[in-house]
C-alpha atoms as a PDB file:
ATOM      1  CA  MET A   1      65.006  60.189 -59.193  1.00  0.00           C
ATOM      2  CA  GLN A   2      64.642  62.242 -56.301  1.00  0.00           C
ATOM      3  CA  TYR A   3      62.283  62.195 -53.482  1.00  0.00           C
ATOM      4  CA  SER A   4      61.189  64.935 -51.572  1.00  0.00           C
ATOM      5  CA  PRO A   5      60.453  64.571 -47.705  1.00  0.00           C
ATOM      6  CA  THR A   6      57.001  63.499 -47.222  1.00  0.00           C
ATOM      7  CA  GLN A   7      54.526  66.235 -46.033  1.00  0.00           C
ATOM      8  CA  THR A   8      52.337  65.449 -43.264  1.00  0.00           C
ATOM      9  CA  LEU A   9      49.000  67.125 -43.599  1.00  0.00           C
ATOM     10  CA  PRO A  10      46.993  68.060 -40.506  1.00  0.00           C
ATOM     11  CA  SER A  11      44.520  65.435 -39.393  1.00  0.00           C
ATOM     12  CA  GLN A  12      40.817  66.066 -40.175  1.00  0.00           C
ATOM     13  CA  THR A  13      38.015  64.679 -38.052  1.00  0.00           C
ATOM     14  CA  ALA A  14      35.088  63.055 -40.041  1.00  0.00           C
ATOM     15  CA  PRO A  15      31.614  62.896 -38.501  1.00  0.00           C
ATOM     16  CA  ALA A  16      31.234  60.510 -35.731  1.00  0.00           C
ATOM     17  CA  GLN A  17      29.466  57.095 -36.491  1.00  0.00           C
ATOM     18  CA  VAL A  18      27.083  56.184 -33.890  1.00  0.00           C
ATOM     19  CA  ASN A  19      26.249  52.405 -33.343  1.00  0.00           C
ATOM     20  CA  PRO A  20      22.968  51.438 -31.853  1.00  0.00           C
ATOM     21  CA  THR A  21      23.036  51.619 -28.227  1.00  0.00           C
ATOM     22  CA  LYS A  22      23.472  48.232 -26.467  1.00  0.00           C
ATOM     23  CA  GLN A  23      21.238  47.619 -23.596  1.00  0.00           C
ATOM     24  CA  TYR A  24      22.138  45.766 -20.390  1.00  0.00           C
ATOM     25  CA  VAL A  25      19.613  44.929 -17.760  1.00  0.00           C
ATOM     26  CA  ASN A  26      20.491  44.628 -13.996  1.00  0.00           C
ATOM     27  CA  THR A  27      17.780  42.692 -12.155  1.00  0.00           C
ATOM     28  CA  ASN A  28      16.926  43.121  -8.535  1.00  0.00           C
ATOM     29  CA  VAL A  29      14.785  40.301  -6.907  1.00  0.00           C
ATOM     30  CA  SER A  30      13.041  40.849  -3.547  1.00  0.00           C
ATOM     31  CA  ASN A  31      11.606  37.697  -2.065  1.00  0.00           C
ATOM     32  CA  THR A  32       8.669  38.096   0.154  1.00  0.00           C
ATOM     33  CA  VAL A  33       7.314  34.929   2.164  1.00  0.00           C
ATOM     34  CA  ILE A  34       3.525  35.001   2.568  1.00  0.00           C
ATOM     35  CA  PRO A  35       2.309  32.429   5.036  1.00  0.00           C
ATOM     36  CA  VAL A  36      -0.885  30.633   4.008  1.00  0.00           C
ATOM     37  CA  VAL A  37      -2.692  28.749   6.825  1.00  0.00           C
ATOM     38  CA  HIS A  38      -4.868  25.954   6.066  1.00  0.00           C
ATOM     39  CA  PRO A  39      -6.531  24.779   9.438  1.00  0.00           C
ATOM     40  CA  SER A  40      -8.138  21.550   9.874  1.00  0.00           C
ATOM     41  CA  HIS A  41      -9.670  19.593  12.734  1.00  0.00           C
ATOM     42  CA  THR A  42     -10.617  15.798  13.463  1.00  0.00           C
ATOM     43  CA  THR A  43     -13.084  15.169  15.896  1.00  0.00           C
ATOM     44  CA  THR A  44     -12.949  11.579  17.559  1.00  0.00           C
ATOM     45  CA  VAL A  45     -16.530  10.498  18.380  1.00  0.00           C
ATOM     46  CA  ASN A  46     -16.508   7.366  20.764  1.00  0.00           C
ATOM     47  CA  LYS A  47     -19.910   5.670  20.820  1.00  0.00           C
ATOM     48  CA  HIS A  48     -20.783   3.176  23.190  1.00  0.00           C
ATOM     49  CA  VAL A  49     -23.816   0.937  22.370  1.00  0.00           C
ATOM     50  CA  ASN A  50     -25.893  -0.823  25.001  1.00  0.00           C
ATOM     51  CA  THR A  51     -27.810  -3.875  23.422  1.00  0.00           C
ATOM     52  CA  TYR A  52     -30.686  -5.275  25.375  1.00  0.00           C
ATOM     53  CA  LYS A  53     -31.448  -8.752  24.528  1.00  0.00           C
ATOM     54  CA  HIS A  54     -34.845  -9.693  25.571  1.00  0.00           C
ATOM     55  CA  TYR A  55     -35.865 -13.357  26.311  1.00  0.00           C
ATOM     56  CA  PHE A  56     -39.093 -14.850  27.078  1.00  0.00           C
ATOM     57  CA  PRO A  57     -38.724 -18.392  28.413  1.00  0.00           C
ATOM     58  CA  HIS A  58     -41.738 -20.177  28.401  1.00  0.00           C
ATOM     59  CA  THR A  59     -42.564 -23.546  30.359  1.00  0.00           C
ATOM     60  CA  GLN A  60     -45.125 -26.141  29.419  1.00  0.00           C
ATOM     61  CA  SER A  61     -46.624 -28.778  31.621  1.00  0.00           C
ATOM     62  CA  VAL A  62     -48.990 -31.598  31.056  1.00  0.00           C
ATOM     63  CA  VAL A  63     -51.630 -32.871  33.480  1.00  0.00           C
ATOM     64  CA  ASN A  64     -53.011 -36.282  33.116  1.00  0.00           C
ATOM     65  CA  GLU A  65     -56.289 -36.837  34.806  1.00  0.00           C
ATOM     66  CA  CYS A  66     -57.849 -40.093  35.333  1.00  0.00           C
ATOM     67  CA  TYR A  67     -61.617 -40.516  36.405  1.00  0.00           C
ATOM     68  CA  THR A  68     -63.119 -43.795  37.765  1.00  0.00           C
ATOM     69  CA  GLN A  69     -66.818 -44.321  37.120  1.00  0.00           C
ATOM     70  CA  ASN A  70     -68.479 -47.025  39.001  1.00  0.00           C
ATOM     71  CA  LEU A  71     -71.865 -47.928  37.321  1.00  0.00           C
ATOM     72  CA  ILE A  72     -74.351 -50.457  38.732  1.00  0.00           C
ATOM     73  CA  CYS A  73     -76.141 -51.697  35.848  1.00  0.00           C
ATOM     74  CA  GLY A  74     -79.164 -53.660  36.872  1.00  0.00           C
ATOM     75  CA  LYS A  75     -79.788 -55.305  40.179  1.00  0.00           C
ATOM     76  CA  PRO A  76     -77.126 -57.636  41.835  1.00  0.00           C
ATOM     77  CA  HIS A  77     -77.602 -61.351  40.994  1.00  0.00           C
ATOM     78  CA  ASN A  78     -77.289 -62.109  44.646  1.00  0.00           C
ATOM     79  CA  PRO A  79     -80.446 -61.159  46.184  1.00  0.00           C
ATOM     80  CA  CYS A  80     -78.878 -61.649  49.672  1.00  0.00           C
ATOM     81  CA  CYS A  81     -76.637 -58.518  49.163  1.00  0.00           C
ATOM     82  CA  PRO A  82     -78.820 -55.402  48.897  1.00  0.00           C
ATOM     83  CA  PRO A  83     -77.228 -52.789  46.385  1.00  0.00           C
ATOM     84  CA  ARG A  84     -74.841 -50.126  47.787  1.00  0.00           C
ATOM     85  CA  HIS A  85     -74.470 -46.696  46.890  1.00  0.00           C
ATOM     86  CA  PHE A  86     -71.008 -45.576  45.935  1.00  0.00           C
ATOM     87  CA  GLY A  87     -69.992 -41.941  46.549  1.00  0.00           C
ATOM     88  CA  TYR A  88     -69.236 -39.665  49.298  1.00  0.00           C
END
């Protein structure tokens, strides 16, 4: 058997096969600082209290009185001595 040289035919181009598009994402981040101020205030109140304490001292005293009465009851028994009057 004898073989003849292989013939190479011209290349043919088939229609292109298109795959779905691959998606790539580039993310750019921009940071913004926003100051938020929360003010507060503390007031210190110093109070001074004056306390007045009222006292009412009271004294007490006792007076003892003694009176003397001289009574002449009837006439004296001795008629030689006349009765005397007492007083001022």
